């Protein structure tokens, strides 16, 4: 398993969430975190967000994240205003691999998708 830094582990714990999607429970508490990505903005910026790719004990993948009022995780509060929020979305194996490629998850790709890549 890819080793997380202490700050990554702390953020992952803060992002604990559960969702039932199509009759299946997806939980950050029981899944293995493969890689975490933090958008380059300062944590106090409304654009800031953090996402992590997880794999469930049965081999399903999902991305969980949270962010500020102008991030992909913003939530409408009413009266045209937005606040920070969080979310979870299921991804298939090819989307998980693509997410890792786009978010610098080389070590996780080698460990979990080594059979899907080839030496250049």
PDB file of N, CA and C in Angstrom:
ATOM      1  N   UNK A   1       0.841  -1.182   0.000  1.00  0.00           N
ATOM      2  CA  UNK A   1       0.000   0.000   0.000  1.00  0.00           C
ATOM      3  C   UNK A   1       0.882   1.240   0.000  1.00  0.00           C
ATOM      4  N   UNK A   2       0.474   2.262  -0.706  1.00  0.00           N
ATOM      5  CA  UNK A   2       1.201   3.516  -0.783  1.00  0.00           C
ATOM      6  C   UNK A   2       1.173   4.188   0.582  1.00  0.00           C
ATOM      7  N   UNK A   3       2.341   4.584   1.082  1.00  0.00           N
ATOM      8  CA  UNK A   3       2.454   5.207   2.395  1.00  0.00           C
ATOM      9  C   UNK A   3       2.059   6.671   2.309  1.00  0.00           C
ATOM     10  N   UNK A   4       1.140   7.084   3.175  1.00  0.00           N
ATOM     11  CA  UNK A   4       0.719   8.483   3.227  1.00  0.00           C
ATOM     12  C   UNK A   4       1.586   9.240   4.211  1.00  0.00           C
ATOM     13  N   UNK A   5       1.776  10.528   3.951  1.00  0.00           N
ATOM     14  CA  UNK A   5       2.481  11.360   4.901  1.00  0.00           C
ATOM     15  C   UNK A   5       1.566  11.576   6.105  1.00  0.00           C
ATOM     16  N   UNK A   6       2.115  12.083   7.173  1.00  0.00           N
ATOM     17  CA  UNK A   6       1.324  12.331   8.374  1.00  0.00           C
ATOM     18  C   UNK A   6       0.187  13.322   8.103  1.00  0.00           C
ATOM     19  N   UNK A   7       0.475  14.388   7.327  1.00  0.00           N
ATOM     20  CA  UNK A   7      -0.564  15.374   7.038  1.00  0.00           C
ATOM     21  C   UNK A   7      -1.640  14.785   6.124  1.00  0.00           C
ATOM     22  N   UNK A   8      -1.259  13.911   5.176  1.00  0.00           N
ATOM     23  CA  UNK A   8      -2.250  13.253   4.319  1.00  0.00           C
ATOM     24  C   UNK A   8      -3.152  12.345   5.146  1.00  0.00           C
ATOM     25  N   UNK A   9      -2.573  11.610   6.072  1.00  0.00           N
ATOM     26  CA  UNK A   9      -3.365  10.730   6.931  1.00  0.00           C
ATOM     27  C   UNK A   9      -4.343  11.529   7.777  1.00  0.00           C
ATOM     28  N   UNK A  10      -3.898  12.657   8.295  1.00  0.00           N
ATOM     29  CA  UNK A  10      -4.770  13.496   9.117  1.00  0.00           C
ATOM     30  C   UNK A  10      -5.934  14.037   8.288  1.00  0.00           C
ATOM     31  N   UNK A  11      -5.650  14.526   7.074  1.00  0.00           N
ATOM     32  CA  UNK A  11      -6.718  15.046   6.223  1.00  0.00           C
ATOM     33  C   UNK A  11      -7.690  13.945   5.819  1.00  0.00           C
ATOM     34  N   UNK A  12      -7.166  12.756   5.552  1.00  0.00           N
ATOM     35  CA  UNK A  12      -8.036  11.639   5.177  1.00  0.00           C
ATOM     36  C   UNK A  12      -8.985  11.295   6.318  1.00  0.00           C
ATOM     37  N   UNK A  13      -8.492  11.334   7.556  1.00  0.00           N
ATOM     38  CA  UNK A  13      -9.353  11.062   8.707  1.00  0.00           C
ATOM     39  C   UNK A  13     -10.434  12.125   8.836  1.00  0.00           C
ATOM     40  N   UNK A  14     -10.083  13.389   8.552  1.00  0.00           N
ATOM     41  CA  UNK A  14     -11.048  14.478   8.648  1.00  0.00           C
ATOM     42  C   UNK A  14     -12.128  14.367   7.578  1.00  0.00           C
ATOM     43  N   UNK A  15     -11.846  13.629   6.491  1.00  0.00           N
ATOM     44  CA  UNK A  15     -12.760  13.541   5.374  1.00  0.00           C
ATOM     45  C   UNK A  15     -13.626  12.273   5.443  1.00  0.00           C
ATOM     46  N   UNK A  16     -13.748  11.647   6.601  1.00  0.00           N
ATOM     47  CA  UNK A  16     -14.526  10.427   6.713  1.00  0.00           C
ATOM     48  C   UNK A  16     -15.968  10.672   6.286  1.00  0.00           C
ATOM     49  N   UNK A  17     -16.448   9.819   5.386  1.00  0.00           N
ATOM     50  CA  UNK A  17     -17.835   9.926   4.941  1.00  0.00           C
ATOM     51  C   UNK A  17     -18.323   8.577   4.457  1.00  0.00           C
ATOM     52  N   UNK A  18     -19.644   8.448   4.432  1.00  0.00           N
ATOM     53  CA  UNK A  18     -20.303   7.229   3.962  1.00  0.00           C
ATOM     54  C   UNK A  18     -21.447   7.630   3.040  1.00  0.00           C
ATOM     55  N   UNK A  19     -21.664   6.830   2.000  1.00  0.00           N
ATOM     56  CA  UNK A  19     -22.793   7.038   1.106  1.00  0.00           C
ATOM     57  C   UNK A  19     -23.271   5.673   0.626  1.00  0.00           C
ATOM     58  N   UNK A  20     -24.585   5.525   0.473  1.00  0.00           N
ATOM     59  CA  UNK A  20     -25.152   4.348  -0.159  1.00  0.00           C
ATOM     60  C   UNK A  20     -25.540   4.754  -1.570  1.00  0.00           C
ATOM     61  N   UNK A  21     -24.963   4.068  -2.553  1.00  0.00           N
ATOM     62  CA  UNK A  21     -25.204   4.347  -3.964  1.00  0.00           C
ATOM     63  C   UNK A  21     -25.568   3.030  -4.641  1.00  0.00           C
ATOM     64  N   UNK A  22     -26.738   3.009  -5.252  1.00  0.00           N
ATOM     65  CA  UNK A  22     -27.236   1.795  -5.916  1.00  0.00           C
ATOM     66  C   UNK A  22     -27.212   0.586  -4.981  1.00  0.00           C
ATOM     67  N   UNK A  23     -27.595   0.813  -3.736  1.00  0.00           N
ATOM     68  CA  UNK A  23     -27.700  -0.275  -2.772  1.00  0.00           C
ATOM     69  C   UNK A  23     -26.378  -0.765  -2.214  1.00  0.00           C
ATOM     70  N   UNK A  24     -25.285  -0.041  -2.468  1.00  0.00           N
ATOM     71  CA  UNK A  24     -23.968  -0.433  -1.971  1.00  0.00           C
ATOM     72  C   UNK A  24     -23.410   0.664  -1.077  1.00  0.00           C
ATOM     73  N   UNK A  25     -22.812   0.249   0.047  1.00  0.00           N
ATOM     74  CA  UNK A  25     -22.221   1.194   0.989  1.00  0.00           C
ATOM     75  C   UNK A  25     -20.777   1.494   0.591  1.00  0.00           C
ATOM     76  N   UNK A  26     -20.483   2.771   0.429  1.00  0.00           N
ATOM     77  CA  UNK A  26     -19.125   3.253   0.177  1.00  0.00           C
ATOM     78  C   UNK A  26     -18.719   4.070   1.397  1.00  0.00           C
ATOM     79  N   UNK A  27     -17.655   3.642   2.070  1.00  0.00           N
ATOM     80  CA  UNK A  27     -17.239   4.288   3.308  1.00  0.00           C
ATOM     81  C   UNK A  27     -15.738   4.522   3.309  1.00  0.00           C
ATOM     82  N   UNK A  28     -15.352   5.745   3.617  1.00  0.00           N
ATOM     83  CA  UNK A  28     -13.924   6.051   3.717  1.00  0.00           C
ATOM     84  C   UNK A  28     -13.309   5.376   4.940  1.00  0.00           C
ATOM     85  N   UNK A  29     -14.132   4.961   5.884  1.00  0.00           N
ATOM     86  CA  UNK A  29     -13.631   4.303   7.090  1.00  0.00           C
ATOM     87  C   UNK A  29     -13.188   2.869   6.829  1.00  0.00           C
ATOM     88  N   UNK A  30     -13.821   2.189   5.870  1.00  0.00           N
ATOM     89  CA  UNK A  30     -13.493   0.784   5.619  1.00  0.00           C
ATOM     90  C   UNK A  30     -12.698   0.581   4.333  1.00  0.00           C
ATOM     91  N   UNK A  31     -12.620   1.593   3.493  1.00  0.00           N
ATOM     92  CA  UNK A  31     -11.885   1.481   2.230  1.00  0.00           C
ATOM     93  C   UNK A  31     -10.420   1.856   2.437  1.00  0.00           C
ATOM     94  N   UNK A  32      -9.601   1.432   1.487  1.00  0.00           N
ATOM     95  CA  UNK A  32      -8.171   1.752   1.499  1.00  0.00           C
ATOM     96  C   UNK A  32      -7.953   3.001   0.653  1.00  0.00           C
ATOM     97  N   UNK A  33      -7.278   3.973   1.228  1.00  0.00           N
ATOM     98  CA  UNK A  33      -6.961   5.184   0.473  1.00  0.00           C
ATOM     99  C   UNK A  33      -5.746   4.889  -0.406  1.00  0.00           C
ATOM    100  N   UNK A  34      -5.894   5.132  -1.713  1.00  0.00           N
ATOM    101  CA  UNK A  34      -4.807   4.866  -2.645  1.00  0.00           C
ATOM    102  C   UNK A  34      -3.943   6.092  -2.888  1.00  0.00           C
ATOM    103  N   UNK A  35      -4.591   7.261  -2.961  1.00  0.00           N
ATOM    104  CA  UNK A  35      -3.839   8.489  -3.218  1.00  0.00           C
ATOM    105  C   UNK A  35      -4.717   9.685  -2.866  1.00  0.00           C
ATOM    106  N   UNK A  36      -4.094  10.714  -2.355  1.00  0.00           N
ATOM    107  CA  UNK A  36      -4.810  11.947  -2.043  1.00  0.00           C
ATOM    108  C   UNK A  36      -4.227  13.090  -2.861  1.00  0.00           C
ATOM    109  N   UNK A  37      -5.106  13.986  -3.278  1.00  0.00           N
ATOM    110  CA  UNK A  37      -4.714  15.158  -4.053  1.00  0.00           C
ATOM    111  C   UNK A  37      -5.269  16.400  -3.370  1.00  0.00           C
ATOM    112  N   UNK A  38      -4.405  17.377  -3.179  1.00  0.00           N
ATOM    113  CA  UNK A  38      -4.845  18.655  -2.628  1.00  0.00           C
ATOM    114  C   UNK A  38      -4.622  19.729  -3.680  1.00  0.00           C
ATOM    115  N   UNK A  39      -5.703  20.421  -4.046  1.00  0.00           N
ATOM    116  CA  UNK A  39      -5.607  21.490  -5.037  1.00  0.00           C
ATOM    117  C   UNK A  39      -4.662  22.549  -4.507  1.00  0.00           C
ATOM    118  N   UNK A  40      -3.975  23.242  -5.385  1.00  0.00           N
ATOM    119  CA  UNK A  40      -2.912  24.156  -5.011  1.00  0.00           C
ATOM    120  C   UNK A  40      -3.286  25.391  -4.219  1.00  0.00           C
ATOM    121  N   UNK A  41      -4.556  25.672  -4.061  1.00  0.00           N
ATOM    122  CA  UNK A  41      -4.950  26.875  -3.332  1.00  0.00           C
ATOM    123  C   UNK A  41      -4.738  26.717  -1.829  1.00  0.00           C
ATOM    124  N   UNK A  42      -4.574  27.835  -1.152  1.00  0.00           N
ATOM    125  CA  UNK A  42      -4.482  27.859   0.304  1.00  0.00           C
ATOM    126  C   UNK A  42      -5.789  27.330   0.883  1.00  0.00           C
ATOM    127  N   UNK A  43      -5.733  26.662   2.017  1.00  0.00           N
ATOM    128  CA  UNK A  43      -6.934  26.070   2.611  1.00  0.00           C
ATOM    129  C   UNK A  43      -8.001  27.096   2.966  1.00  0.00           C
ATOM    130  N   UNK A  44      -7.639  28.363   3.099  1.00  0.00           N
ATOM    131  CA  UNK A  44      -8.631  29.394   3.398  1.00  0.00           C
ATOM    132  C   UNK A  44      -9.283  29.962   2.129  1.00  0.00           C
ATOM    133  N   UNK A  45      -8.791  29.565   0.958  1.00  0.00           N
ATOM    134  CA  UNK A  45      -9.337  30.046  -0.307  1.00  0.00           C
ATOM    135  C   UNK A  45     -10.621  29.293  -0.645  1.00  0.00           C
ATOM    136  N   UNK A  46     -11.611  29.983  -1.161  1.00  0.00           N
ATOM    137  CA  UNK A  46     -12.881  29.361  -1.526  1.00  0.00           C
ATOM    138  C   UNK A  46     -12.726  28.317  -2.635  1.00  0.00           C
ATOM    139  N   UNK A  47     -11.634  28.375  -3.415  1.00  0.00           N
ATOM    140  CA  UNK A  47     -11.394  27.423  -4.503  1.00  0.00           C
ATOM    141  C   UNK A  47     -10.719  26.140  -4.023  1.00  0.00           C
ATOM    142  N   UNK A  48     -10.211  26.132  -2.810  1.00  0.00           N
ATOM    143  CA  UNK A  48      -9.451  24.991  -2.298  1.00  0.00           C
ATOM    144  C   UNK A  48     -10.317  23.735  -2.216  1.00  0.00           C
ATOM    145  N   UNK A  49      -9.713  22.600  -2.566  1.00  0.00           N
ATOM    146  CA  UNK A  49     -10.383  21.315  -2.334  1.00  0.00           C
ATOM    147  C   UNK A  49      -9.359  20.194  -2.230  1.00  0.00           C
ATOM    148  N   UNK A  50      -9.774  19.121  -1.580  1.00  0.00           N
ATOM    149  CA  UNK A  50      -8.974  17.924  -1.403  1.00  0.00           C
ATOM    150  C   UNK A  50      -9.803  16.741  -1.866  1.00  0.00           C
ATOM    151  N   UNK A  51      -9.176  15.839  -2.612  1.00  0.00           N
ATOM    152  CA  UNK A  51      -9.840  14.620  -3.056  1.00  0.00           C
ATOM    153  C   UNK A  51      -8.943  13.431  -2.757  1.00  0.00           C
ATOM    154  N   UNK A  52      -9.555  12.272  -2.595  1.00  0.00           N
ATOM    155  CA  UNK A  52      -8.788  11.048  -2.412  1.00  0.00           C
ATOM    156  C   UNK A  52      -9.480   9.919  -3.154  1.00  0.00           C
ATOM    157  N   UNK A  53      -8.678   9.035  -3.719  1.00  0.00           N
ATOM    158  CA  UNK A  53      -9.183   7.844  -4.388  1.00  0.00           C
ATOM    159  C   UNK A  53      -9.112   6.689  -3.403  1.00  0.00           C
ATOM    160  N   UNK A  54     -10.212   5.959  -3.293  1.00  0.00           N
ATOM    161  CA  UNK A  54     -10.314   4.829  -2.368  1.00  0.00           C
ATOM    162  C   UNK A  54     -10.659   3.554  -3.115  1.00  0.00           C
ATOM    163  N   UNK A  55     -10.304   2.421  -2.501  1.00  0.00           N
ATOM    164  CA  UNK A  55     -10.695   1.101  -2.995  1.00  0.00           C
ATOM    165  C   UNK A  55     -11.369   0.364  -1.846  1.00  0.00           C
ATOM    166  N   UNK A  56     -12.566  -0.142  -2.112  1.00  0.00           N
ATOM    167  CA  UNK A  56     -13.315  -0.853  -1.076  1.00  0.00           C
ATOM    168  C   UNK A  56     -12.734  -2.254  -0.875  1.00  0.00           C
ATOM    169  N   UNK A  57     -13.086  -2.909   0.231  1.00  0.00           N
ATOM    170  CA  UNK A  57     -12.617  -4.281   0.451  1.00  0.00           C
ATOM    171  C   UNK A  57     -13.028  -5.247  -0.669  1.00  0.00           C
ATOM    172  N   UNK A  58     -14.108  -4.933  -1.400  1.00  0.00           N
ATOM    173  CA  UNK A  58     -14.551  -5.786  -2.503  1.00  0.00           C
ATOM    174  C   UNK A  58     -14.004  -5.340  -3.859  1.00  0.00           C
ATOM    175  N   UNK A  59     -13.137  -4.332  -3.876  1.00  0.00           N
ATOM    176  CA  UNK A  59     -12.465  -3.925  -5.100  1.00  0.00           C
ATOM    177  C   UNK A  59     -13.112  -2.824  -5.905  1.00  0.00           C
ATOM    178  N   UNK A  60     -14.138  -2.175  -5.376  1.00  0.00           N
ATOM    179  CA  UNK A  60     -14.751  -1.038  -6.063  1.00  0.00           C
ATOM    180  C   UNK A  60     -13.954   0.226  -5.748  1.00  0.00           C
ATOM    181  N   UNK A  61     -14.037   1.211  -6.639  1.00  0.00           N
ATOM    182  CA  UNK A  61     -13.302   2.464  -6.457  1.00  0.00           C
ATOM    183  C   UNK A  61     -14.265   3.632  -6.299  1.00  0.00           C
ATOM    184  N   UNK A  62     -13.833   4.613  -5.514  1.00  0.00           N
ATOM    185  CA  UNK A  62     -14.590   5.858  -5.416  1.00  0.00           C
ATOM    186  C   UNK A  62     -13.667   6.997  -5.051  1.00  0.00           C
ATOM    187  N   UNK A  63     -14.102   8.207  -5.399  1.00  0.00           N
ATOM    188  CA  UNK A  63     -13.375   9.429  -5.063  1.00  0.00           C
ATOM    189  C   UNK A  63     -14.219  10.190  -4.057  1.00  0.00           C
ATOM    190  N   UNK A  64     -13.604  10.576  -2.946  1.00  0.00           N
ATOM    191  CA  UNK A  64     -14.273  11.386  -1.928  1.00  0.00           C
ATOM    192  C   UNK A  64     -13.506  12.689  -1.795  1.00  0.00           C
ATOM    193  N   UNK A  65     -14.228  13.777  -1.581  1.00  0.00           N
ATOM    194  CA  UNK A  65     -13.553  15.054  -1.476  1.00  0.00           C
ATOM    195  C   UNK A  65     -14.358  16.081  -0.716  1.00  0.00           C
ATOM    196  N   UNK A  66     -13.688  17.171  -0.430  1.00  0.00           N
ATOM    197  CA  UNK A  66     -14.345  18.303   0.226  1.00  0.00           C
ATOM    198  C   UNK A  66     -13.638  19.569  -0.212  1.00  0.00           C
ATOM    199  N   UNK A  67     -14.353  20.683  -0.128  1.00  0.00           N
ATOM    200  CA  UNK A  67     -13.742  21.923  -0.560  1.00  0.00           C
ATOM    201  C   UNK A  67     -14.564  23.147  -0.217  1.00  0.00           C
ATOM    202  N   UNK A  68     -14.060  24.268  -0.651  1.00  0.00           N
ATOM    203  CA  UNK A  68     -14.663  25.557  -0.341  1.00  0.00           C
ATOM    204  C   UNK A  68     -15.833  25.914  -1.231  1.00  0.00           C
ATOM    205  N   UNK A  69     -16.332  27.109  -1.026  1.00  0.00           N
ATOM    206  CA  UNK A  69     -17.555  27.585  -1.678  1.00  0.00           C
ATOM    207  C   UNK A  69     -17.429  27.741  -3.189  1.00  0.00           C
ATOM    208  N   UNK A  70     -16.216  27.819  -3.722  1.00  0.00           N
ATOM    209  CA  UNK A  70     -16.032  27.945  -5.169  1.00  0.00           C
ATOM    210  C   UNK A  70     -15.278  26.734  -5.734  1.00  0.00           C
ATOM    211  N   UNK A  71     -15.326  25.630  -5.035  1.00  0.00           N
ATOM    212  CA  UNK A  71     -14.668  24.398  -5.462  1.00  0.00           C
ATOM    213  C   UNK A  71     -15.695  23.478  -6.127  1.00  0.00           C
ATOM    214  N   UNK A  72     -15.244  22.371  -6.688  1.00  0.00           N
ATOM    215  CA  UNK A  72     -16.199  21.409  -7.248  1.00  0.00           C
ATOM    216  C   UNK A  72     -17.143  20.822  -6.184  1.00  0.00           C
ATOM    217  N   UNK A  73     -16.845  21.011  -4.922  1.00  0.00           N
ATOM    218  CA  UNK A  73     -17.653  20.462  -3.835  1.00  0.00           C
ATOM    219  C   UNK A  73     -18.554  21.494  -3.158  1.00  0.00           C
ATOM    220  N   UNK A  74     -18.695  22.660  -3.754  1.00  0.00           N
ATOM    221  CA  UNK A  74     -19.545  23.692  -3.157  1.00  0.00           C
ATOM    222  C   UNK A  74     -20.994  23.214  -3.083  1.00  0.00           C
ATOM    223  N   UNK A  75     -21.719  23.740  -2.121  1.00  0.00           N
ATOM    224  CA  UNK A  75     -23.131  23.402  -1.939  1.00  0.00           C
ATOM    225  C   UNK A  75     -23.943  24.681  -1.878  1.00  0.00           C
ATOM    226  N   UNK A  76     -25.053  24.674  -2.575  1.00  0.00           N
ATOM    227  CA  UNK A  76     -25.934  25.837  -2.587  1.00  0.00           C
ATOM    228  C   UNK A  76     -26.613  25.970  -1.222  1.00  0.00           C
ATOM    229  N   UNK A  77     -26.545  27.158  -0.657  1.00  0.00           N
ATOM    230  CA  UNK A  77     -27.125  27.411   0.654  1.00  0.00           C
ATOM    231  C   UNK A  77     -28.480  28.096   0.557  1.00  0.00           C
ATOM    232  N   UNK A  78     -28.844  28.545  -0.613  1.00  0.00           N
ATOM    233  CA  UNK A  78     -30.078  29.303  -0.787  1.00  0.00           C
ATOM    234  C   UNK A  78     -29.753  30.762  -1.005  1.00  0.00           C
ATOM    235  N   UNK A  79     -30.724  31.489  -1.481  1.00  0.00           N
ATOM    236  CA  UNK A  79     -30.558  32.925  -1.748  1.00  0.00           C
ATOM    237  C   UNK A  79     -29.365  33.215  -2.644  1.00  0.00           C
ATOM    238  N   UNK A  80     -28.995  32.261  -3.502  1.00  0.00           N
ATOM    239  CA  UNK A  80     -27.891  32.470  -4.430  1.00  0.00           C
ATOM    240  C   UNK A  80     -26.515  32.378  -3.815  1.00  0.00           C
ATOM    241  N   UNK A  81     -26.412  31.951  -2.578  1.00  0.00           N
ATOM    242  CA  UNK A  81     -25.096  31.844  -1.949  1.00  0.00           C
ATOM    243  C   UNK A  81     -24.664  30.376  -1.877  1.00  0.00           C
ATOM    244  N   UNK A  82     -23.361  30.205  -1.769  1.00  0.00           N
ATOM    245  CA  UNK A  82     -22.776  28.866  -1.717  1.00  0.00           C
ATOM    246  C   UNK A  82     -21.838  28.753  -0.542  1.00  0.00           C
ATOM    247  N   UNK A  83     -21.694  27.528  -0.043  1.00  0.00           N
ATOM    248  CA  UNK A  83     -20.767  27.246   1.041  1.00  0.00           C
ATOM    249  C   UNK A  83     -19.929  26.036   0.685  1.00  0.00           C
ATOM    250  N   UNK A  84     -18.963  25.751   1.502  1.00  0.00           N
ATOM    251  CA  UNK A  84     -18.131  24.582   1.300  1.00  0.00           C
ATOM    252  C   UNK A  84     -18.954  23.319   1.471  1.00  0.00           C
ATOM    253  N   UNK A  85     -18.470  22.234   0.911  1.00  0.00           N
ATOM    254  CA  UNK A  85     -19.196  20.981   1.015  1.00  0.00           C
ATOM    255  C   UNK A  85     -18.291  19.790   0.783  1.00  0.00           C
ATOM    256  N   UNK A  86     -18.912  18.633   0.668  1.00  0.00           N
ATOM    257  CA  UNK A  86     -18.170  17.400   0.434  1.00  0.00           C
ATOM    258  C   UNK A  86     -19.012  16.482  -0.438  1.00  0.00           C
ATOM    259  N   UNK A  87     -18.373  15.466  -0.975  1.00  0.00           N
ATOM    260  CA  UNK A  87     -19.094  14.530  -1.815  1.00  0.00           C
ATOM    261  C   UNK A  87     -18.299  13.272  -2.060  1.00  0.00           C
ATOM    262  N   UNK A  88     -18.974  12.303  -2.637  1.00  0.00           N
ATOM    263  CA  UNK A  88     -18.375  11.012  -2.928  1.00  0.00           C
ATOM    264  C   UNK A  88     -18.973  10.542  -4.247  1.00  0.00           C
ATOM    265  N   UNK A  89     -18.122  10.071  -5.163  1.00  0.00           N
ATOM    266  CA  UNK A  89     -18.619   9.545  -6.431  1.00  0.00           C
ATOM    267  C   UNK A  89     -17.914   8.233  -6.748  1.00  0.00           C
ATOM    268  N   UNK A  90     -18.674   7.307  -7.279  1.00  0.00           N
ATOM    269  CA  UNK A  90     -18.144   6.005  -7.665  1.00  0.00           C
ATOM    270  C   UNK A  90     -17.469   6.142  -9.020  1.00  0.00           C
ATOM    271  N   UNK A  91     -16.319   5.490  -9.187  1.00  0.00           N
ATOM    272  CA  UNK A  91     -15.619   5.461 -10.464  1.00  0.00           C
ATOM    273  C   UNK A  91     -15.286   4.009 -10.793  1.00  0.00           C
ATOM    274  N   UNK A  92     -15.210   3.710 -12.086  1.00  0.00           N
ATOM    275  CA  UNK A  92     -14.817   2.349 -12.455  1.00  0.00           C
ATOM    276  C   UNK A  92     -13.287   2.268 -12.500  1.00  0.00           C
ATOM    277  N   UNK A  93     -12.777   1.089 -12.807  1.00  0.00           N
ATOM    278  CA  UNK A  93     -11.337   0.870 -12.772  1.00  0.00           C
ATOM    279  C   UNK A  93     -10.579   1.796 -13.726  1.00  0.00           C
ATOM    280  N   UNK A  94     -11.097   1.985 -14.941  1.00  0.00           N
ATOM    281  CA  UNK A  94     -10.402   2.852 -15.897  1.00  0.00           C
ATOM    282  C   UNK A  94     -10.439   4.312 -15.445  1.00  0.00           C
ATOM    283  N   UNK A  95     -11.541   4.743 -14.840  1.00  0.00           N
ATOM    284  CA  UNK A  95     -11.624   6.111 -14.312  1.00  0.00           C
ATOM    285  C   UNK A  95     -10.694   6.287 -13.118  1.00  0.00           C
ATOM    286  N   UNK A  96     -10.542   5.251 -12.302  1.00  0.00           N
ATOM    287  CA  UNK A  96      -9.623   5.318 -11.161  1.00  0.00           C
ATOM    288  C   UNK A  96      -8.190   5.481 -11.652  1.00  0.00           C
ATOM    289  N   UNK A  97      -7.816   4.699 -12.657  1.00  0.00           N
ATOM    290  CA  UNK A  97      -6.478   4.804 -13.229  1.00  0.00           C
ATOM    291  C   UNK A  97      -6.256   6.186 -13.837  1.00  0.00           C
ATOM    292  N   UNK A  98      -7.232   6.691 -14.564  1.00  0.00           N
ATOM    293  CA  UNK A  98      -7.135   8.026 -15.160  1.00  0.00           C
ATOM    294  C   UNK A  98      -7.003   9.100 -14.078  1.00  0.00           C
ATOM    295  N   UNK A  99      -7.781   8.969 -12.997  1.00  0.00           N
ATOM    296  CA  UNK A  99      -7.707   9.932 -11.890  1.00  0.00           C
ATOM    297  C   UNK A  99      -6.294   9.940 -11.308  1.00  0.00           C
ATOM    298  N   UNK A 100      -5.720   8.760 -11.115  1.00  0.00           N
ATOM    299  CA  UNK A 100      -4.356   8.677 -10.574  1.00  0.00           C
ATOM    300  C   UNK A 100      -3.345   9.316 -11.511  1.00  0.00           C
ATOM    301  N   UNK A 101      -3.489   9.080 -12.804  1.00  0.00           N
ATOM    302  CA  UNK A 101      -2.575   9.690 -13.775  1.00  0.00           C
ATOM    303  C   UNK A 101      -2.662  11.209 -13.732  1.00  0.00           C
ATOM    304  N   UNK A 102      -3.873  11.747 -13.613  1.00  0.00           N
ATOM    305  CA  UNK A 102      -4.080  13.193 -13.610  1.00  0.00           C
ATOM    306  C   UNK A 102      -3.677  13.862 -12.298  1.00  0.00           C
ATOM    307  N   UNK A 103      -3.572  13.083 -11.217  1.00  0.00           N
ATOM    308  CA  UNK A 103      -3.314  13.668  -9.906  1.00  0.00           C
ATOM    309  C   UNK A 103      -2.017  13.182  -9.266  1.00  0.00           C
ATOM    310  N   UNK A 104      -1.069  12.741 -10.091  1.00  0.00           N
ATOM    311  CA  UNK A 104       0.267  12.414  -9.597  1.00  0.00           C
ATOM    312  C   UNK A 104       0.355  11.157  -8.758  1.00  0.00           C
ATOM    313  N   UNK A 105      -0.495  10.195  -8.988  1.00  0.00           N
ATOM    314  CA  UNK A 105      -0.503   8.976  -8.192  1.00  0.00           C
ATOM    315  C   UNK A 105       0.334   7.849  -8.773  1.00  0.00           C
ATOM    316  N   UNK A 106       1.542   8.160  -9.203  1.00  0.00           N
ATOM    317  CA  UNK A 106       2.403   7.174  -9.858  1.00  0.00           C
ATOM    318  C   UNK A 106       2.654   5.947  -8.996  1.00  0.00           C
ATOM    319  N   UNK A 107       2.974   6.128  -7.727  1.00  0.00           N
ATOM    320  CA  UNK A 107       3.241   4.976  -6.857  1.00  0.00           C
ATOM    321  C   UNK A 107       2.019   4.076  -6.735  1.00  0.00           C
ATOM    322  N   UNK A 108       0.837   4.682  -6.613  1.00  0.00           N
ATOM    323  CA  UNK A 108      -0.394   3.892  -6.523  1.00  0.00           C
ATOM    324  C   UNK A 108      -0.685   3.171  -7.835  1.00  0.00           C
ATOM    325  N   UNK A 109      -0.384   3.815  -8.959  1.00  0.00           N
ATOM    326  CA  UNK A 109      -0.576   3.167 -10.267  1.00  0.00           C
ATOM    327  C   UNK A 109       0.287   1.920 -10.348  1.00  0.00           C
ATOM    328  N   UNK A 110       1.541   2.054  -9.979  1.00  0.00           N
ATOM    329  CA  UNK A 110       2.463   0.919 -10.044  1.00  0.00           C
ATOM    330  C   UNK A 110       1.989  -0.198  -9.116  1.00  0.00           C
ATOM    331  N   UNK A 111       1.555   0.167  -7.919  1.00  0.00           N
ATOM    332  CA  UNK A 111       1.145  -0.839  -6.940  1.00  0.00           C
ATOM    333  C   UNK A 111      -0.181  -1.511  -7.278  1.00  0.00           C
ATOM    334  N   UNK A 112      -1.181  -0.736  -7.687  1.00  0.00           N
ATOM    335  CA  UNK A 112      -2.528  -1.276  -7.869  1.00  0.00           C
ATOM    336  C   UNK A 112      -2.910  -1.554  -9.320  1.00  0.00           C
ATOM    337  N   UNK A 113      -2.211  -0.934 -10.256  1.00  0.00           N
ATOM    338  CA  UNK A 113      -2.550  -1.085 -11.672  1.00  0.00           C
ATOM    339  C   UNK A 113      -1.325  -1.489 -12.499  1.00  0.00           C
ATOM    340  N   UNK A 114      -0.354  -2.109 -11.860  1.00  0.00           N
ATOM    341  CA  UNK A 114       0.875  -2.484 -12.548  1.00  0.00           C
ATOM    342  C   UNK A 114       0.657  -3.339 -13.783  1.00  0.00           C
ATOM    343  N   UNK A 115      -0.394  -4.148 -13.766  1.00  0.00           N
ATOM    344  CA  UNK A 115      -0.686  -5.002 -14.909  1.00  0.00           C
ATOM    345  C   UNK A 115      -1.346  -4.241 -16.061  1.00  0.00           C
ATOM    346  N   UNK A 116      -1.723  -2.981 -15.826  1.00  0.00           N
ATOM    347  CA  UNK A 116      -2.414  -2.177 -16.840  1.00  0.00           C
ATOM    348  C   UNK A 116      -1.469  -1.211 -17.560  1.00  0.00           C
ATOM    349  N   UNK A 117      -0.218  -1.159 -17.104  1.00  0.00           N
ATOM    350  CA  UNK A 117       0.728  -0.222 -17.707  1.00  0.00           C
ATOM    351  C   UNK A 117       1.904  -1.005 -18.322  1.00  0.00           C
ATOM    352  N   UNK A 118       2.625  -0.339 -19.196  1.00  0.00           N
ATOM    353  CA  UNK A 118       3.781  -0.962 -19.815  1.00  0.00           C
ATOM    354  C   UNK A 118       4.963  -0.006 -19.751  1.00  0.00           C
ATOM    355  N   UNK A 119       6.147  -0.569 -19.823  1.00  0.00           N
ATOM    356  CA  UNK A 119       7.354   0.242 -19.815  1.00  0.00           C
ATOM    357  C   UNK A 119       7.481   0.940 -21.168  1.00  0.00           C
ATOM    358  N   UNK A 120       7.788   2.230 -21.137  1.00  0.00           N
ATOM    359  CA  UNK A 120       7.895   3.014 -22.388  1.00  0.00           C
ATOM    360  C   UNK A 120       9.188   2.697 -23.101  1.00  0.00           C
TER     361      UNK A 120
END
